[in-house]
């Protein structure tokens, strides 16, 4: 059985562009809000560790991302009901979008601690990769079984696992940078 996917442009946009890019700026926004409230000074005076401060930012970003993922799944169900199509393909794209979102949250949070310039570079590279991927992906059909020799749902599971691993690695690095910055 060959699994060929050429989804509609709107489904690709919702799953692989809107979800990841909408959550990408969250860590920077949370850190900016913390800066406005002088949270670093207040949190250090409280009986919490520096790791807890960074963990709360990451946890908040992950919770909001999961809520947006549920929202995107709802939109995919509405698209299937209104236009027809296969919900399985839309769901696989949504999970892949979630994986991209988790990686982008980790990378943008890490780049926020390094510098604003690196965050802008990450955003620019991400947007260019998206444009390139959309231009190429809208023109070709992908035979997932021929590429990976696995069913497509295993590819999505692996993408999500790699994304979560990168997310936790960036969390560890961000915690270390934050601890060094606020000694």
N, C-alpha and C. Protein backbone atom coordinates (compact mmCIF):
# COMPACT_ATOMS: atom_id res chain seq x y z
N UNK A 1 0.84 -1.18 0.00
CA UNK A 1 0.00 0.00 0.00
C UNK A 1 0.89 1.24 0.00
N UNK A 2 0.67 2.09 -0.95
CA UNK A 2 1.44 3.33 -1.06
C UNK A 2 0.60 4.46 -0.51
N UNK A 3 1.17 5.24 0.36
CA UNK A 3 0.47 6.35 1.01
C UNK A 3 0.92 7.64 0.33
N UNK A 4 0.09 8.18 -0.54
CA UNK A 4 0.42 9.41 -1.25
C UNK A 4 -0.39 10.55 -0.67
N UNK A 5 0.30 11.64 -0.37
CA UNK A 5 -0.37 12.80 0.23
C UNK A 5 -0.09 14.03 -0.62
N UNK A 6 -1.12 14.68 -1.07
CA UNK A 6 -1.00 16.02 -1.65
C UNK A 6 -2.15 16.83 -1.09
N UNK A 7 -2.02 17.30 0.16
CA UNK A 7 -3.13 17.99 0.81
C UNK A 7 -3.35 19.36 0.21
N UNK A 8 -4.52 19.91 0.50
CA UNK A 8 -4.85 21.24 0.03
C UNK A 8 -3.94 22.26 0.69
N UNK A 9 -3.78 23.38 0.01
CA UNK A 9 -2.90 24.43 0.51
C UNK A 9 -3.37 24.97 1.86
N UNK A 10 -4.68 25.11 2.05
CA UNK A 10 -5.19 25.65 3.32
C UNK A 10 -4.90 24.73 4.49
N UNK A 11 -4.96 23.43 4.28
CA UNK A 11 -4.66 22.47 5.35
C UNK A 11 -3.18 22.56 5.72
N UNK A 12 -2.32 22.69 4.72
CA UNK A 12 -0.89 22.84 5.01
C UNK A 12 -0.65 24.12 5.78
N UNK A 13 -1.29 25.20 5.34
CA UNK A 13 -1.09 26.48 6.01
C UNK A 13 -1.50 26.41 7.48
N UNK A 14 -2.65 25.82 7.76
CA UNK A 14 -3.14 25.76 9.14
C UNK A 14 -2.23 24.89 10.01
N UNK A 15 -1.88 23.73 9.51
CA UNK A 15 -1.14 22.77 10.33
C UNK A 15 0.35 23.06 10.44
N UNK A 16 0.97 23.45 9.36
CA UNK A 16 2.42 23.57 9.36
C UNK A 16 2.93 25.00 9.41
N UNK A 17 2.04 25.99 9.31
CA UNK A 17 2.50 27.37 9.36
C UNK A 17 1.86 28.12 10.52
N UNK A 18 0.53 28.12 10.58
CA UNK A 18 -0.16 28.92 11.59
C UNK A 18 0.16 28.43 13.00
N UNK A 19 0.05 27.14 13.24
CA UNK A 19 0.33 26.60 14.58
C UNK A 19 1.77 26.87 15.02
N UNK A 20 2.78 26.48 14.23
CA UNK A 20 4.15 26.73 14.71
C UNK A 20 4.50 28.21 14.86
N UNK A 21 4.14 29.03 13.88
CA UNK A 21 4.54 30.43 13.96
C UNK A 21 3.77 31.19 15.02
N UNK A 22 2.55 30.74 15.33
CA UNK A 22 1.80 31.45 16.37
C UNK A 22 2.38 31.19 17.76
N UNK A 23 3.01 30.06 17.94
CA UNK A 23 3.58 29.76 19.26
C UNK A 23 5.06 30.10 19.36
N UNK A 24 5.68 30.45 18.24
CA UNK A 24 7.12 30.67 18.25
C UNK A 24 7.53 31.85 19.12
N UNK A 25 6.72 32.89 19.15
CA UNK A 25 7.11 34.09 19.88
C UNK A 25 6.75 34.04 21.37
N UNK A 26 6.07 32.98 21.81
CA UNK A 26 5.62 32.93 23.21
C UNK A 26 6.74 33.03 24.24
N UNK A 27 7.85 32.29 24.11
CA UNK A 27 8.88 32.42 25.15
C UNK A 27 9.44 33.83 25.25
N UNK A 28 9.60 34.49 24.11
CA UNK A 28 10.11 35.86 24.12
C UNK A 28 9.10 36.78 24.79
N UNK A 29 7.81 36.57 24.49
CA UNK A 29 6.77 37.40 25.10
C UNK A 29 6.72 37.18 26.61
N UNK A 30 6.81 35.93 27.05
CA UNK A 30 6.78 35.66 28.48
C UNK A 30 7.99 36.28 29.18
N UNK A 31 9.17 36.14 28.57
CA UNK A 31 10.37 36.72 29.18
C UNK A 31 10.28 38.25 29.20
N UNK A 32 9.70 38.84 28.15
CA UNK A 32 9.52 40.29 28.11
C UNK A 32 8.56 40.74 29.20
N UNK A 33 7.48 39.99 29.38
CA UNK A 33 6.53 40.33 30.45
C UNK A 33 7.17 40.19 31.82
N UNK A 34 8.00 39.17 31.98
CA UNK A 34 8.73 39.02 33.25
C UNK A 34 9.64 40.21 33.49
N UNK A 35 10.27 40.71 32.41
CA UNK A 35 11.14 41.86 32.54
C UNK A 35 10.39 43.12 32.94
N UNK A 36 9.19 43.29 32.39
CA UNK A 36 8.38 44.47 32.74
C UNK A 36 7.96 44.44 34.20
N UNK A 37 7.72 43.26 34.73
CA UNK A 37 7.27 43.13 36.12
C UNK A 37 8.43 42.96 37.09
N UNK A 38 9.66 43.04 36.61
CA UNK A 38 10.84 42.78 37.44
C UNK A 38 10.74 41.41 38.12
N UNK A 39 10.24 40.45 37.37
CA UNK A 39 10.03 39.12 37.93
C UNK A 39 11.33 38.47 38.37
N UNK A 40 12.42 38.71 37.63
CA UNK A 40 13.69 38.10 38.01
C UNK A 40 14.10 38.50 39.42
N UNK A 41 13.96 39.77 39.75
CA UNK A 41 14.34 40.23 41.09
C UNK A 41 13.39 39.66 42.14
N UNK A 42 12.11 39.64 41.84
CA UNK A 42 11.13 39.13 42.81
C UNK A 42 11.24 37.62 42.97
N UNK A 43 11.45 36.92 41.86
CA UNK A 43 11.53 35.46 41.92
C UNK A 43 12.77 35.01 42.69
N UNK A 44 13.87 35.72 42.51
CA UNK A 44 15.08 35.34 43.22
C UNK A 44 14.90 35.56 44.72
N UNK A 45 14.09 36.54 45.10
CA UNK A 45 13.82 36.78 46.52
C UNK A 45 12.87 35.73 47.09
N UNK A 46 12.15 35.03 46.22
CA UNK A 46 11.19 34.02 46.68
C UNK A 46 11.91 32.68 46.87
N UNK A 47 11.27 31.77 47.59
CA UNK A 47 11.92 30.47 47.81
C UNK A 47 11.75 29.52 46.62
N UNK A 48 12.17 29.97 45.43
CA UNK A 48 12.15 29.11 44.24
C UNK A 48 13.55 29.11 43.65
N UNK A 49 13.85 28.05 42.92
CA UNK A 49 15.17 27.97 42.30
C UNK A 49 15.13 28.64 40.93
N UNK A 50 16.31 28.90 40.40
CA UNK A 50 16.39 29.49 39.07
C UNK A 50 15.86 28.52 38.02
N UNK A 51 16.03 27.25 38.27
CA UNK A 51 15.49 26.24 37.37
C UNK A 51 13.96 26.32 37.35
N UNK A 52 13.35 26.58 38.49
CA UNK A 52 11.89 26.71 38.55
C UNK A 52 11.39 27.90 37.74
N UNK A 53 12.16 28.98 37.74
CA UNK A 53 11.76 30.17 36.98
C UNK A 53 11.73 29.85 35.49
N UNK A 54 12.80 29.22 34.99
CA UNK A 54 12.85 28.86 33.58
C UNK A 54 11.81 27.79 33.27
N UNK A 55 11.65 26.82 34.17
CA UNK A 55 10.68 25.75 33.95
C UNK A 55 9.26 26.30 33.84
N UNK A 56 8.95 27.33 34.61
CA UNK A 56 7.60 27.89 34.53
C UNK A 56 7.35 28.52 33.17
N UNK A 57 8.35 29.16 32.59
CA UNK A 57 8.19 29.73 31.24
C UNK A 57 7.98 28.63 30.21
N UNK A 58 8.81 27.59 30.28
CA UNK A 58 8.68 26.50 29.32
C UNK A 58 7.34 25.77 29.49
N UNK A 59 6.94 25.54 30.73
CA UNK A 59 5.67 24.85 30.97
C UNK A 59 4.49 25.67 30.45
N UNK A 60 4.52 26.97 30.68
CA UNK A 60 3.44 27.82 30.17
C UNK A 60 3.39 27.78 28.65
N UNK A 61 4.54 27.83 28.00
CA UNK A 61 4.58 27.76 26.53
C UNK A 61 4.05 26.42 26.03
N UNK A 62 4.42 25.34 26.69
CA UNK A 62 3.96 24.02 26.26
C UNK A 62 2.47 23.87 26.47
N UNK A 63 1.93 24.38 27.56
CA UNK A 63 0.49 24.29 27.81
C UNK A 63 -0.29 25.07 26.75
N UNK A 64 0.16 26.28 26.46
CA UNK A 64 -0.53 27.08 25.43
C UNK A 64 -0.41 26.41 24.07
N UNK A 65 0.73 25.81 23.77
CA UNK A 65 0.91 25.11 22.50
C UNK A 65 -0.05 23.94 22.39
N UNK A 66 -0.22 23.17 23.45
CA UNK A 66 -1.15 22.04 23.42
C UNK A 66 -2.59 22.52 23.25
N UNK A 67 -2.94 23.64 23.87
CA UNK A 67 -4.28 24.21 23.68
C UNK A 67 -4.49 24.65 22.23
N UNK A 68 -3.48 25.27 21.63
CA UNK A 68 -3.58 25.65 20.23
C UNK A 68 -3.64 24.43 19.33
N UNK A 69 -2.95 23.36 19.70
CA UNK A 69 -3.01 22.11 18.93
C UNK A 69 -4.43 21.56 18.93
N UNK A 70 -5.09 21.58 20.08
CA UNK A 70 -6.49 21.12 20.16
C UNK A 70 -7.37 22.00 19.27
N UNK A 71 -7.12 23.31 19.27
CA UNK A 71 -7.87 24.23 18.42
C UNK A 71 -7.66 23.89 16.94
N UNK A 72 -6.41 23.60 16.55
CA UNK A 72 -6.11 23.26 15.16
C UNK A 72 -6.78 21.94 14.78
N UNK A 73 -6.83 20.98 15.68
CA UNK A 73 -7.53 19.72 15.40
C UNK A 73 -9.01 20.02 15.14
N UNK A 74 -9.61 20.90 15.93
CA UNK A 74 -11.00 21.29 15.70
C UNK A 74 -11.20 21.92 14.34
N UNK A 75 -10.27 22.78 13.93
CA UNK A 75 -10.36 23.39 12.60
C UNK A 75 -10.24 22.32 11.52
N UNK A 76 -9.35 21.34 11.72
CA UNK A 76 -9.20 20.26 10.74
C UNK A 76 -10.48 19.45 10.62
N UNK A 77 -11.15 19.20 11.73
CA UNK A 77 -12.42 18.47 11.68
C UNK A 77 -13.45 19.27 10.89
N UNK A 78 -13.51 20.57 11.12
CA UNK A 78 -14.43 21.42 10.36
C UNK A 78 -14.11 21.42 8.87
N UNK A 79 -12.83 21.44 8.52
CA UNK A 79 -12.44 21.40 7.10
C UNK A 79 -12.89 20.09 6.46
N UNK A 80 -12.70 18.98 7.16
CA UNK A 80 -13.11 17.68 6.62
C UNK A 80 -14.63 17.61 6.46
N UNK A 81 -15.36 18.14 7.45
CA UNK A 81 -16.83 18.13 7.36
C UNK A 81 -17.30 19.03 6.22
N UNK A 82 -16.70 20.21 6.08
CA UNK A 82 -17.16 21.17 5.07
C UNK A 82 -16.73 20.79 3.65
N UNK A 83 -15.50 20.36 3.49
CA UNK A 83 -14.96 20.11 2.15
C UNK A 83 -14.80 18.64 1.80
N UNK A 84 -14.88 17.79 2.79
CA UNK A 84 -14.59 16.39 2.56
C UNK A 84 -13.09 16.16 2.67
N UNK A 85 -12.69 14.96 2.50
CA UNK A 85 -11.27 14.64 2.61
C UNK A 85 -11.03 13.60 3.69
N UNK A 86 -9.78 13.35 3.95
CA UNK A 86 -9.39 12.33 4.90
C UNK A 86 -8.86 12.99 6.17
N UNK A 87 -9.54 12.75 7.27
CA UNK A 87 -9.14 13.35 8.55
C UNK A 87 -7.78 12.83 9.01
N UNK A 88 -7.45 11.60 8.63
CA UNK A 88 -6.17 11.02 9.04
C UNK A 88 -4.99 11.84 8.50
N UNK A 89 -5.07 12.24 7.23
CA UNK A 89 -3.99 13.05 6.65
C UNK A 89 -3.88 14.38 7.37
N UNK A 90 -5.02 15.00 7.63
CA UNK A 90 -5.01 16.29 8.33
C UNK A 90 -4.45 16.14 9.74
N UNK A 91 -4.81 15.05 10.42
CA UNK A 91 -4.32 14.83 11.77
C UNK A 91 -2.81 14.61 11.78
N UNK A 92 -2.30 13.84 10.81
CA UNK A 92 -0.85 13.62 10.73
C UNK A 92 -0.12 14.94 10.50
N UNK A 93 -0.68 15.80 9.64
CA UNK A 93 -0.07 17.11 9.42
C UNK A 93 -0.13 17.97 10.68
N UNK A 94 -1.23 17.87 11.43
CA UNK A 94 -1.35 18.64 12.67
C UNK A 94 -0.32 18.20 13.70
N UNK A 95 -0.10 16.90 13.81
CA UNK A 95 0.90 16.39 14.76
C UNK A 95 2.30 16.82 14.31
N UNK A 96 2.55 16.80 13.01
CA UNK A 96 3.83 17.28 12.51
C UNK A 96 4.00 18.77 12.81
N UNK A 97 2.92 19.54 12.67
CA UNK A 97 2.95 20.96 13.03
C UNK A 97 3.22 21.16 14.51
N UNK A 98 2.66 20.28 15.35
CA UNK A 98 2.93 20.34 16.79
C UNK A 98 4.41 20.08 17.06
N UNK A 99 4.98 19.11 16.36
CA UNK A 99 6.41 18.82 16.53
C UNK A 99 7.26 20.03 16.15
N UNK A 100 6.91 20.66 15.03
CA UNK A 100 7.64 21.86 14.62
C UNK A 100 7.48 22.96 15.66
N UNK A 101 6.28 23.09 16.21
CA UNK A 101 6.02 24.12 17.23
C UNK A 101 6.89 23.92 18.46
N UNK A 102 6.99 22.68 18.90
CA UNK A 102 7.77 22.38 20.10
C UNK A 102 9.25 22.71 19.87
N UNK A 103 9.76 22.37 18.69
CA UNK A 103 11.15 22.72 18.37
C UNK A 103 11.34 24.23 18.33
N UNK A 104 10.39 24.93 17.69
CA UNK A 104 10.52 26.39 17.59
C UNK A 104 10.44 27.07 18.95
N UNK A 105 9.61 26.55 19.85
CA UNK A 105 9.55 27.12 21.20
C UNK A 105 10.89 26.98 21.89
N UNK A 106 11.46 25.80 21.81
CA UNK A 106 12.75 25.58 22.44
C UNK A 106 13.84 26.44 21.85
N UNK A 107 13.89 26.52 20.53
CA UNK A 107 14.93 27.31 19.87
C UNK A 107 14.75 28.79 20.15
N UNK A 108 13.50 29.28 20.10
CA UNK A 108 13.29 30.71 20.33
C UNK A 108 13.54 31.09 21.78
N UNK A 109 13.21 30.19 22.71
CA UNK A 109 13.51 30.48 24.12
C UNK A 109 15.02 30.51 24.34
N UNK A 110 15.72 29.58 23.74
CA UNK A 110 17.17 29.55 23.88
C UNK A 110 17.80 30.79 23.26
N UNK A 111 17.32 31.16 22.06
CA UNK A 111 17.90 32.33 21.40
C UNK A 111 17.56 33.61 22.15
N UNK A 112 16.43 33.63 22.86
CA UNK A 112 16.08 34.81 23.66
C UNK A 112 17.11 35.03 24.76
N UNK A 113 17.62 33.95 25.35
CA UNK A 113 18.61 34.09 26.40
C UNK A 113 19.99 34.45 25.84
N UNK A 114 20.23 34.08 24.59
CA UNK A 114 21.54 34.39 24.01
C UNK A 114 21.60 35.84 23.54
N UNK A 115 20.68 36.23 22.66
CA UNK A 115 20.61 37.62 22.22
C UNK A 115 19.40 37.81 21.32
N UNK A 116 19.02 39.06 21.15
CA UNK A 116 17.89 39.37 20.28
C UNK A 116 18.26 39.10 18.83
N UNK A 117 19.51 39.34 18.47
CA UNK A 117 19.95 39.13 17.09
C UNK A 117 19.83 37.67 16.69
N UNK A 118 20.23 36.76 17.57
CA UNK A 118 20.13 35.34 17.23
C UNK A 118 18.67 34.93 17.11
N UNK A 119 17.78 35.52 17.91
CA UNK A 119 16.35 35.24 17.78
C UNK A 119 15.81 35.69 16.45
N UNK A 120 16.25 36.86 15.98
CA UNK A 120 15.81 37.36 14.67
C UNK A 120 16.34 36.48 13.55
N UNK A 121 17.56 36.00 13.68
CA UNK A 121 18.13 35.11 12.67
C UNK A 121 17.36 33.79 12.63
N UNK A 122 17.03 33.24 13.80
CA UNK A 122 16.25 32.00 13.85
C UNK A 122 14.89 32.20 13.18
N UNK A 123 14.23 33.32 13.47
CA UNK A 123 12.93 33.61 12.87
C UNK A 123 13.05 33.75 11.36
N UNK A 124 14.06 34.46 10.87
CA UNK A 124 14.25 34.65 9.44
C UNK A 124 14.52 33.32 8.73
N UNK A 125 15.40 32.50 9.30
CA UNK A 125 15.69 31.20 8.70
C UNK A 125 14.44 30.33 8.69
N UNK A 126 13.66 30.36 9.77
CA UNK A 126 12.43 29.57 9.83
C UNK A 126 11.45 30.00 8.75
N UNK A 127 11.26 31.30 8.59
CA UNK A 127 10.33 31.79 7.57
C UNK A 127 10.81 31.39 6.17
N UNK A 128 12.10 31.51 5.90
CA UNK A 128 12.62 31.11 4.59
C UNK A 128 12.43 29.62 4.34
N UNK A 129 12.67 28.80 5.37
CA UNK A 129 12.45 27.35 5.22
C UNK A 129 10.99 27.03 4.96
N UNK A 130 10.09 27.75 5.64
CA UNK A 130 8.66 27.55 5.40
C UNK A 130 8.28 27.91 3.98
N UNK A 131 8.75 29.05 3.50
CA UNK A 131 8.41 29.46 2.13
C UNK A 131 8.93 28.44 1.14
N UNK A 132 10.17 28.01 1.31
CA UNK A 132 10.75 26.99 0.43
C UNK A 132 9.96 25.69 0.51
N UNK A 133 9.64 25.26 1.73
CA UNK A 133 8.87 24.02 1.90
C UNK A 133 7.49 24.09 1.28
N UNK A 134 6.83 25.22 1.42
CA UNK A 134 5.50 25.37 0.83
C UNK A 134 5.56 25.40 -0.69
N UNK A 135 6.57 26.06 -1.24
CA UNK A 135 6.70 26.10 -2.70
C UNK A 135 6.97 24.71 -3.26
N UNK A 136 7.86 23.98 -2.62
CA UNK A 136 8.20 22.64 -3.10
C UNK A 136 7.09 21.65 -2.76
N UNK A 137 6.58 21.71 -1.53
CA UNK A 137 5.58 20.74 -1.08
C UNK A 137 4.26 20.83 -1.80
N UNK A 138 3.91 22.00 -2.32
CA UNK A 138 2.64 22.15 -3.02
C UNK A 138 2.72 21.63 -4.45
N UNK A 139 3.93 21.37 -4.96
CA UNK A 139 4.11 20.94 -6.34
C UNK A 139 4.32 19.44 -6.49
N UNK A 140 4.73 18.75 -5.42
CA UNK A 140 5.09 17.35 -5.57
C UNK A 140 4.20 16.46 -4.70
N UNK A 141 4.15 15.20 -5.08
CA UNK A 141 3.50 14.19 -4.24
C UNK A 141 4.60 13.43 -3.53
N UNK A 142 4.35 13.11 -2.27
CA UNK A 142 5.37 12.44 -1.47
C UNK A 142 4.93 11.01 -1.21
N UNK A 143 5.79 10.07 -1.53
CA UNK A 143 5.54 8.67 -1.23
C UNK A 143 6.31 8.35 0.06
N UNK A 144 5.62 8.49 1.20
CA UNK A 144 6.27 8.34 2.50
C UNK A 144 6.86 6.95 2.68
N UNK A 145 6.17 5.91 2.19
CA UNK A 145 6.68 4.54 2.36
C UNK A 145 7.98 4.33 1.61
N UNK A 146 8.10 4.92 0.43
CA UNK A 146 9.33 4.75 -0.34
C UNK A 146 10.49 5.49 0.33
N UNK A 147 10.20 6.60 0.96
CA UNK A 147 11.26 7.38 1.58
C UNK A 147 11.72 6.75 2.89
N UNK A 148 10.79 6.40 3.74
CA UNK A 148 11.14 5.97 5.10
C UNK A 148 10.97 4.48 5.36
N UNK A 149 10.34 3.77 4.46
CA UNK A 149 10.05 2.34 4.64
C UNK A 149 9.27 2.08 5.93
N UNK A 150 8.54 3.07 6.35
CA UNK A 150 7.68 2.96 7.53
C UNK A 150 6.32 3.57 7.19
N UNK A 151 5.28 3.15 7.88
CA UNK A 151 4.00 3.84 7.70
C UNK A 151 4.14 5.30 8.12
N UNK A 152 3.35 6.19 7.52
CA UNK A 152 3.52 7.62 7.79
C UNK A 152 3.28 8.01 9.24
N UNK A 153 2.43 7.26 9.95
CA UNK A 153 2.19 7.65 11.34
C UNK A 153 3.44 7.43 12.20
N UNK A 154 4.31 6.50 11.83
CA UNK A 154 5.55 6.31 12.58
C UNK A 154 6.51 7.47 12.33
N UNK A 155 6.48 8.00 11.11
CA UNK A 155 7.29 9.19 10.82
C UNK A 155 6.86 10.35 11.70
N UNK A 156 5.56 10.53 11.86
CA UNK A 156 5.05 11.62 12.69
C UNK A 156 5.41 11.39 14.16
N UNK A 157 5.31 10.15 14.62
CA UNK A 157 5.67 9.83 16.00
C UNK A 157 7.16 10.11 16.23
N UNK A 158 8.00 9.73 15.27
CA UNK A 158 9.43 10.01 15.41
C UNK A 158 9.70 11.51 15.39
N UNK A 159 9.01 12.25 14.53
CA UNK A 159 9.19 13.71 14.49
C UNK A 159 8.82 14.34 15.82
N UNK A 160 7.72 13.88 16.41
CA UNK A 160 7.29 14.42 17.70
C UNK A 160 8.28 14.05 18.80
N UNK A 161 8.80 12.83 18.77
CA UNK A 161 9.78 12.41 19.78
C UNK A 161 11.07 13.23 19.68
N UNK A 162 11.55 13.45 18.46
CA UNK A 162 12.75 14.27 18.27
C UNK A 162 12.48 15.70 18.73
N UNK A 163 11.29 16.22 18.42
CA UNK A 163 10.94 17.58 18.83
C UNK A 163 10.94 17.71 20.35
N UNK A 164 10.35 16.74 21.03
CA UNK A 164 10.33 16.79 22.50
C UNK A 164 11.73 16.67 23.08
N UNK A 165 12.57 15.82 22.47
CA UNK A 165 13.95 15.70 22.95
C UNK A 165 14.69 17.03 22.79
N UNK A 166 14.54 17.67 21.63
CA UNK A 166 15.18 18.98 21.43
C UNK A 166 14.62 20.02 22.39
N UNK A 167 13.32 19.94 22.66
CA UNK A 167 12.68 20.87 23.59
C UNK A 167 13.32 20.77 24.97
N UNK A 168 13.49 19.54 25.46
CA UNK A 168 14.07 19.37 26.79
C UNK A 168 15.56 19.69 26.82
N UNK A 169 16.27 19.44 25.71
CA UNK A 169 17.68 19.84 25.66
C UNK A 169 17.82 21.35 25.71
N UNK A 170 16.97 22.08 24.99
CA UNK A 170 17.05 23.54 25.05
C UNK A 170 16.63 24.05 26.41
N UNK A 171 15.72 23.33 27.07
CA UNK A 171 15.33 23.71 28.43
C UNK A 171 16.53 23.61 29.36
N UNK A 172 17.30 22.54 29.25
CA UNK A 172 18.47 22.36 30.10
C UNK A 172 19.51 23.44 29.83
N UNK A 173 19.74 23.74 28.54
CA UNK A 173 20.71 24.79 28.20
C UNK A 173 20.21 26.15 28.68
N UNK A 174 18.92 26.44 28.50
CA UNK A 174 18.37 27.72 28.96
C UNK A 174 18.48 27.87 30.47
N UNK A 175 18.24 26.79 31.18
CA UNK A 175 18.37 26.82 32.64
C UNK A 175 19.80 27.15 33.04
N UNK A 176 20.76 26.51 32.36
CA UNK A 176 22.16 26.77 32.68
C UNK A 176 22.55 28.22 32.36
N UNK A 177 22.08 28.72 31.22
CA UNK A 177 22.39 30.11 30.85
C UNK A 177 21.76 31.07 31.84
N UNK A 178 20.51 30.81 32.22
CA UNK A 178 19.81 31.69 33.17
C UNK A 178 20.51 31.67 34.53
N UNK A 179 20.93 30.50 34.96
CA UNK A 179 21.61 30.40 36.26
C UNK A 179 22.94 31.17 36.24
N UNK A 180 23.68 31.09 35.12
CA UNK A 180 24.95 31.83 35.02
C UNK A 180 24.71 33.32 34.95
N UNK A 181 23.64 33.71 34.26
CA UNK A 181 23.34 35.13 34.05
C UNK A 181 22.91 35.81 35.35
N UNK A 182 22.28 35.07 36.26
CA UNK A 182 21.72 35.65 37.49
C UNK A 182 22.41 35.10 38.74
N UNK A 183 23.71 35.02 38.72
CA UNK A 183 24.45 34.56 39.90
C UNK A 183 24.54 35.64 40.92
